[in-house]
Amino acid sequence: MNSLISTLITALVGFLSAIIGGLYATRTEKQVTARIVFENAYHEIFELIEDKFYDKSLSDDEIAELGKNIYSILQKSNGYYYPSLKKYALWMFNGEYNDNLQELWHSFSWTFDRQYEKVTSLIGIPPRSRYYRMNTKQYSSFFHLIRIYFLSKYGTIELLLILIGLLLTLNYFTN
């Protein structure tokens, strides 16, 4: 019986080691790819649109010009980008898109925002702080702002402290 348990434990340890090793190898490869994506495209696009994320005041001509520039950057990046971004960029300037360009810009901003966060997180670049995002208006709506503020690393702690303070205050006044 002991040899059976010993064999099962050895097999389980080997199995778990293989899974962990595979996950580590996959993560390392994802980091290498993310670095290429960042260096070939996302950094340059971010520099271009840093103060224009979710901007509702951009004219159709400004959106078209941004689309051309973004498309050009993505063309040079050898396929290292999230595919929807290139399609959005193309629609911004080629006249194929018949709806509101402002909505298209919002969709691009939202998609790029998520992809940029994912890539920078994988390669260890510090995330944009919630204050930076608030000051540069890098949020899509009031609810997105609330999510950025309270669901960030420090925002969650602040929210918990506020709730504890409210509970203590409520407890003080009810007793």
C-alpha atoms as a PDB file:
ATOM      1  CA  MET A   1       0.000   0.000   0.000  1.00  0.00           C
ATOM      2  CA  ASN A   2       2.831   2.412   0.894  1.00  0.00           C
ATOM      3  CA  SER A   3       4.592   1.744  -2.411  1.00  0.00           C
ATOM      4  CA  LEU A   4       1.363   2.497  -4.297  1.00  0.00           C
ATOM      5  CA  ILE A   5       0.947   5.823  -2.472  1.00  0.00           C
ATOM      6  CA  SER A   6       4.632   6.622  -2.981  1.00  0.00           C
ATOM      7  CA  THR A   7       4.316   5.872  -6.710  1.00  0.00           C
ATOM      8  CA  LEU A   8       1.188   8.029  -7.022  1.00  0.00           C
ATOM      9  CA  ILE A   9       2.840  10.915  -5.174  1.00  0.00           C
ATOM     10  CA  THR A  10       5.921  10.665  -7.404  1.00  0.00           C
ATOM     11  CA  ALA A  11       3.729  10.621 -10.518  1.00  0.00           C
ATOM     12  CA  LEU A  12       1.710  13.587  -9.238  1.00  0.00           C
ATOM     13  CA  VAL A  13       4.856  15.598  -8.488  1.00  0.00           C
ATOM     14  CA  GLY A  14       6.186  14.817 -11.983  1.00  0.00           C
ATOM     15  CA  PHE A  15       2.882  15.765 -13.568  1.00  0.00           C
ATOM     16  CA  LEU A  16       2.655  19.068 -11.650  1.00  0.00           C
ATOM     17  CA  SER A  17       6.304  19.846 -12.467  1.00  0.00           C
ATOM     18  CA  ALA A  18       5.606  19.324 -16.166  1.00  0.00           C
ATOM     19  CA  ILE A  19       2.572  21.639 -16.024  1.00  0.00           C
ATOM     20  CA  ILE A  20       4.451  24.357 -14.131  1.00  0.00           C
ATOM     21  CA  GLY A  21       7.436  24.070 -16.479  1.00  0.00           C
ATOM     22  CA  GLY A  22       5.149  24.305 -19.495  1.00  0.00           C
ATOM     23  CA  LEU A  23       3.406  27.361 -18.087  1.00  0.00           C
ATOM     24  CA  TYR A  24       6.762  29.010 -17.381  1.00  0.00           C
ATOM     25  CA  ALA A  25       8.005  28.283 -20.911  1.00  0.00           C
ATOM     26  CA  THR A  26       4.773  29.628 -22.400  1.00  0.00           C
ATOM     27  CA  ARG A  27       4.933  32.783 -20.287  1.00  0.00           C
ATOM     28  CA  THR A  28       8.551  33.359 -21.310  1.00  0.00           C
ATOM     29  CA  GLU A  29       7.583  33.050 -24.986  1.00  0.00           C
ATOM     30  CA  LYS A  30       4.633  35.409 -24.453  1.00  0.00           C
ATOM     31  CA  GLN A  31       6.988  37.933 -22.861  1.00  0.00           C
ATOM     32  CA  VAL A  32       9.348  37.776 -25.839  1.00  0.00           C
ATOM     33  CA  THR A  33       6.443  38.265 -28.244  1.00  0.00           C
ATOM     34  CA  ALA A  34       4.973  41.064 -26.118  1.00  0.00           C
ATOM     35  CA  ARG A  35       8.330  42.873 -26.152  1.00  0.00           C
ATOM     36  CA  ILE A  36       8.389  42.691 -29.970  1.00  0.00           C
ATOM     37  CA  VAL A  37       4.790  43.971 -30.157  1.00  0.00           C
ATOM     38  CA  PHE A  38       5.630  46.839 -27.830  1.00  0.00           C
ATOM     39  CA  GLU A  39       8.834  47.843 -29.590  1.00  0.00           C
ATOM     40  CA  ASN A  40       7.553  47.414 -33.157  1.00  0.00           C
ATOM     41  CA  ALA A  41       4.142  49.042 -32.806  1.00  0.00           C
ATOM     42  CA  TYR A  42       2.494  49.792 -29.484  1.00  0.00           C
ATOM     43  CA  HIS A  43       5.081  52.195 -28.100  1.00  0.00           C
ATOM     44  CA  GLU A  44       4.977  54.331 -31.240  1.00  0.00           C
ATOM     45  CA  ILE A  45       1.169  54.256 -31.386  1.00  0.00           C
ATOM     46  CA  PHE A  46       0.947  55.178 -27.713  1.00  0.00           C
ATOM     47  CA  GLU A  47       3.284  58.139 -28.285  1.00  0.00           C
ATOM     48  CA  LEU A  48       1.062  59.232 -31.173  1.00  0.00           C
ATOM     49  CA  ILE A  49      -2.276  59.004 -29.336  1.00  0.00           C
ATOM     50  CA  GLU A  50      -1.298  59.473 -25.688  1.00  0.00           C
ATOM     51  CA  ASP A  51      -3.306  62.673 -25.301  1.00  0.00           C
ATOM     52  CA  LYS A  52      -6.090  61.593 -27.681  1.00  0.00           C
ATOM     53  CA  PHE A  53      -7.427  58.429 -26.006  1.00  0.00           C
ATOM     54  CA  TYR A  54     -11.233  58.455 -26.110  1.00  0.00           C
ATOM     55  CA  ASP A  55     -11.168  62.117 -27.226  1.00  0.00           C
ATOM     56  CA  LYS A  56     -14.681  63.063 -28.327  1.00  0.00           C
ATOM     57  CA  SER A  57     -13.594  66.382 -29.816  1.00  0.00           C
ATOM     58  CA  LEU A  58     -11.492  64.950 -32.660  1.00  0.00           C
ATOM     59  CA  SER A  59     -12.719  65.920 -36.119  1.00  0.00           C
ATOM     60  CA  ASP A  60     -13.204  63.341 -38.863  1.00  0.00           C
ATOM     61  CA  ASP A  61     -10.090  64.712 -40.573  1.00  0.00           C
ATOM     62  CA  GLU A  62      -8.021  64.280 -37.396  1.00  0.00           C
ATOM     63  CA  ILE A  63      -9.310  60.725 -36.966  1.00  0.00           C
ATOM     64  CA  ALA A  64      -8.494  59.956 -40.603  1.00  0.00           C
ATOM     65  CA  GLU A  65      -4.956  61.313 -40.161  1.00  0.00           C
ATOM     66  CA  LEU A  66      -4.466  59.257 -36.993  1.00  0.00           C
ATOM     67  CA  GLY A  67      -5.787  56.215 -38.844  1.00  0.00           C
ATOM     68  CA  LYS A  68      -3.214  56.686 -41.621  1.00  0.00           C
ATOM     69  CA  ASN A  69      -0.369  57.051 -39.132  1.00  0.00           C
ATOM     70  CA  ILE A  70      -1.474  54.075 -37.029  1.00  0.00           C
ATOM     71  CA  TYR A  71      -1.978  51.917 -40.115  1.00  0.00           C
ATOM     72  CA  SER A  72       1.520  52.820 -41.305  1.00  0.00           C
ATOM     73  CA  ILE A  73       3.016  51.833 -37.950  1.00  0.00           C
ATOM     74  CA  LEU A  74       1.165  48.512 -37.964  1.00  0.00           C
ATOM     75  CA  GLN A  75       2.207  47.807 -41.566  1.00  0.00           C
ATOM     76  CA  LYS A  76       5.872  48.049 -40.497  1.00  0.00           C
ATOM     77  CA  SER A  77       5.454  45.772 -37.479  1.00  0.00           C
ATOM     78  CA  ASN A  78       5.477  42.422 -39.333  1.00  0.00           C
ATOM     79  CA  GLY A  79       2.157  41.214 -37.946  1.00  0.00           C
ATOM     80  CA  TYR A  80       3.059  41.812 -34.298  1.00  0.00           C
ATOM     81  CA  TYR A  81      -0.165  43.509 -33.199  1.00  0.00           C
ATOM     82  CA  TYR A  82      -3.759  42.761 -32.297  1.00  0.00           C
ATOM     83  CA  PRO A  83      -5.477  42.325 -35.725  1.00  0.00           C
ATOM     84  CA  SER A  84      -8.563  44.460 -34.994  1.00  0.00           C
ATOM     85  CA  LEU A  85      -6.365  47.514 -34.515  1.00  0.00           C
ATOM     86  CA  LYS A  86      -5.213  47.451 -38.114  1.00  0.00           C
ATOM     87  CA  LYS A  87      -8.777  47.076 -39.389  1.00  0.00           C
ATOM     88  CA  TYR A  88      -9.976  49.993 -37.242  1.00  0.00           C
ATOM     89  CA  ALA A  89      -7.065  52.122 -38.482  1.00  0.00           C
ATOM     90  CA  LEU A  90      -7.845  51.293 -42.118  1.00  0.00           C
ATOM     91  CA  TRP A  91     -11.525  52.172 -41.672  1.00  0.00           C
ATOM     92  CA  MET A  92     -10.569  55.513 -40.157  1.00  0.00           C
ATOM     93  CA  PHE A  93      -9.148  56.827 -43.406  1.00  0.00           C
ATOM     94  CA  ASN A  94     -10.213  54.733 -46.394  1.00  0.00           C
ATOM     95  CA  GLY A  95     -13.887  55.755 -46.586  1.00  0.00           C
ATOM     96  CA  GLU A  96     -15.168  52.169 -46.230  1.00  0.00           C
ATOM     97  CA  TYR A  97     -16.649  52.878 -42.813  1.00  0.00           C
ATOM     98  CA  ASN A  98     -20.029  54.580 -43.204  1.00  0.00           C
ATOM     99  CA  ASP A  99     -20.914  55.133 -39.567  1.00  0.00           C
ATOM    100  CA  ASN A 100     -19.732  57.727 -37.058  1.00  0.00           C
ATOM    101  CA  LEU A 101     -15.932  58.001 -37.025  1.00  0.00           C
ATOM    102  CA  GLN A 102     -16.104  59.154 -33.401  1.00  0.00           C
ATOM    103  CA  GLU A 103     -17.598  55.754 -32.454  1.00  0.00           C
ATOM    104  CA  LEU A 104     -14.874  54.042 -34.453  1.00  0.00           C
ATOM    105  CA  TRP A 105     -12.227  56.097 -32.617  1.00  0.00           C
ATOM    106  CA  HIS A 106     -13.800  55.071 -29.314  1.00  0.00           C
ATOM    107  CA  SER A 107     -13.662  51.388 -30.347  1.00  0.00           C
ATOM    108  CA  PHE A 108     -10.049  51.739 -31.406  1.00  0.00           C
ATOM    109  CA  SER A 109      -9.133  53.537 -28.158  1.00  0.00           C
ATOM    110  CA  TRP A 110     -10.850  50.909 -26.030  1.00  0.00           C
ATOM    111  CA  THR A 111      -9.212  48.001 -27.887  1.00  0.00           C
ATOM    112  CA  PHE A 112      -5.769  49.607 -27.932  1.00  0.00           C
ATOM    113  CA  ASP A 113      -6.077  50.562 -24.256  1.00  0.00           C
ATOM    114  CA  ARG A 114      -6.715  46.932 -23.263  1.00  0.00           C
ATOM    115  CA  GLN A 115      -4.002  45.534 -25.536  1.00  0.00           C
ATOM    116  CA  TYR A 116      -1.454  48.111 -24.403  1.00  0.00           C
ATOM    117  CA  GLU A 117      -2.136  47.254 -20.742  1.00  0.00           C
ATOM    118  CA  LYS A 118      -1.779  43.545 -21.460  1.00  0.00           C
ATOM    119  CA  VAL A 119       1.496  43.916 -23.375  1.00  0.00           C
ATOM    120  CA  THR A 120       3.131  46.335 -20.940  1.00  0.00           C
ATOM    121  CA  SER A 121       2.116  44.133 -18.015  1.00  0.00           C
ATOM    122  CA  LEU A 122       3.709  41.062 -19.620  1.00  0.00           C
ATOM    123  CA  ILE A 123       7.041  42.812 -20.200  1.00  0.00           C
ATOM    124  CA  GLY A 124       7.168  44.496 -16.814  1.00  0.00           C
ATOM    125  CA  ILE A 125       6.575  48.109 -17.777  1.00  0.00           C
ATOM    126  CA  PRO A 126       4.819  49.887 -14.907  1.00  0.00           C
ATOM    127  CA  PRO A 127       1.125  50.479 -15.574  1.00  0.00           C
ATOM    128  CA  ARG A 128      -0.218  53.967 -16.136  1.00  0.00           C
ATOM    129  CA  SER A 129      -1.319  55.246 -12.757  1.00  0.00           C
ATOM    130  CA  ARG A 130      -4.950  56.028 -12.126  1.00  0.00           C
ATOM    131  CA  TYR A 131      -4.077  59.690 -11.569  1.00  0.00           C
ATOM    132  CA  TYR A 132      -2.214  59.858 -14.858  1.00  0.00           C
ATOM    133  CA  ARG A 133      -5.174  58.248 -16.636  1.00  0.00           C
ATOM    134  CA  MET A 134      -7.587  60.659 -14.963  1.00  0.00           C
ATOM    135  CA  ASN A 135      -5.463  63.724 -15.769  1.00  0.00           C
ATOM    136  CA  THR A 136      -5.004  62.711 -19.411  1.00  0.00           C
ATOM    137  CA  LYS A 137      -8.647  61.583 -19.731  1.00  0.00           C
ATOM    138  CA  GLN A 138      -7.666  58.062 -20.739  1.00  0.00           C
ATOM    139  CA  TYR A 139     -11.030  56.564 -19.874  1.00  0.00           C
ATOM    140  CA  SER A 140     -14.147  55.972 -21.940  1.00  0.00           C
ATOM    141  CA  SER A 141     -16.914  56.863 -19.494  1.00  0.00           C
ATOM    142  CA  PHE A 142     -17.646  57.771 -15.900  1.00  0.00           C
ATOM    143  CA  PHE A 143     -18.021  54.080 -15.013  1.00  0.00           C
ATOM    144  CA  HIS A 144     -14.697  53.268 -16.676  1.00  0.00           C
ATOM    145  CA  LEU A 145     -13.123  56.055 -14.584  1.00  0.00           C
ATOM    146  CA  ILE A 146     -14.636  54.603 -11.405  1.00  0.00           C
ATOM    147  CA  ARG A 147     -13.302  51.158 -12.352  1.00  0.00           C
ATOM    148  CA  ILE A 148      -9.830  52.567 -13.030  1.00  0.00           C
ATOM    149  CA  TYR A 149      -9.845  54.496  -9.774  1.00  0.00           C
ATOM    150  CA  PHE A 150     -11.240  51.952  -7.345  1.00  0.00           C
ATOM    151  CA  LEU A 151     -10.138  48.678  -8.921  1.00  0.00           C
ATOM    152  CA  SER A 152      -6.501  49.653  -9.252  1.00  0.00           C
ATOM    153  CA  LYS A 153      -3.928  48.269  -6.831  1.00  0.00           C
ATOM    154  CA  TYR A 154      -4.158  51.150  -4.375  1.00  0.00           C
ATOM    155  CA  GLY A 155      -7.737  52.061  -5.164  1.00  0.00           C
ATOM    156  CA  THR A 156      -9.024  48.815  -3.708  1.00  0.00           C
ATOM    157  CA  ILE A 157      -7.177  49.493  -0.467  1.00  0.00           C
ATOM    158  CA  GLU A 158      -8.554  53.040  -0.363  1.00  0.00           C
ATOM    159  CA  LEU A 159     -12.077  51.765  -1.005  1.00  0.00           C
ATOM    160  CA  LEU A 160     -11.735  49.263   1.844  1.00  0.00           C
ATOM    161  CA  LEU A 161     -10.421  51.991   4.166  1.00  0.00           C
ATOM    162  CA  ILE A 162     -13.324  54.260   3.224  1.00  0.00           C
ATOM    163  CA  LEU A 163     -15.808  51.461   3.901  1.00  0.00           C
ATOM    164  CA  ILE A 164     -14.179  50.672   7.250  1.00  0.00           C
ATOM    165  CA  GLY A 165     -14.256  54.379   8.130  1.00  0.00           C
ATOM    166  CA  LEU A 166     -17.935  54.592   7.224  1.00  0.00           C
ATOM    167  CA  LEU A 167     -18.756  51.490   9.271  1.00  0.00           C
ATOM    168  CA  LEU A 168     -16.825  52.817  12.276  1.00  0.00           C
ATOM    169  CA  THR A 169     -18.552  56.204  11.959  1.00  0.00           C
ATOM    170  CA  LEU A 170     -21.943  54.559  11.657  1.00  0.00           C
ATOM    171  CA  ASN A 171     -21.186  52.351  14.646  1.00  0.00           C
ATOM    172  CA  TYR A 172     -20.060  55.387  16.684  1.00  0.00           C
ATOM    173  CA  PHE A 173     -23.235  57.349  15.969  1.00  0.00           C
ATOM    174  CA  THR A 174     -25.594  54.423  16.549  1.00  0.00           C
ATOM    175  CA  ASN A 175     -24.122  53.631  19.985  1.00  0.00           C
END
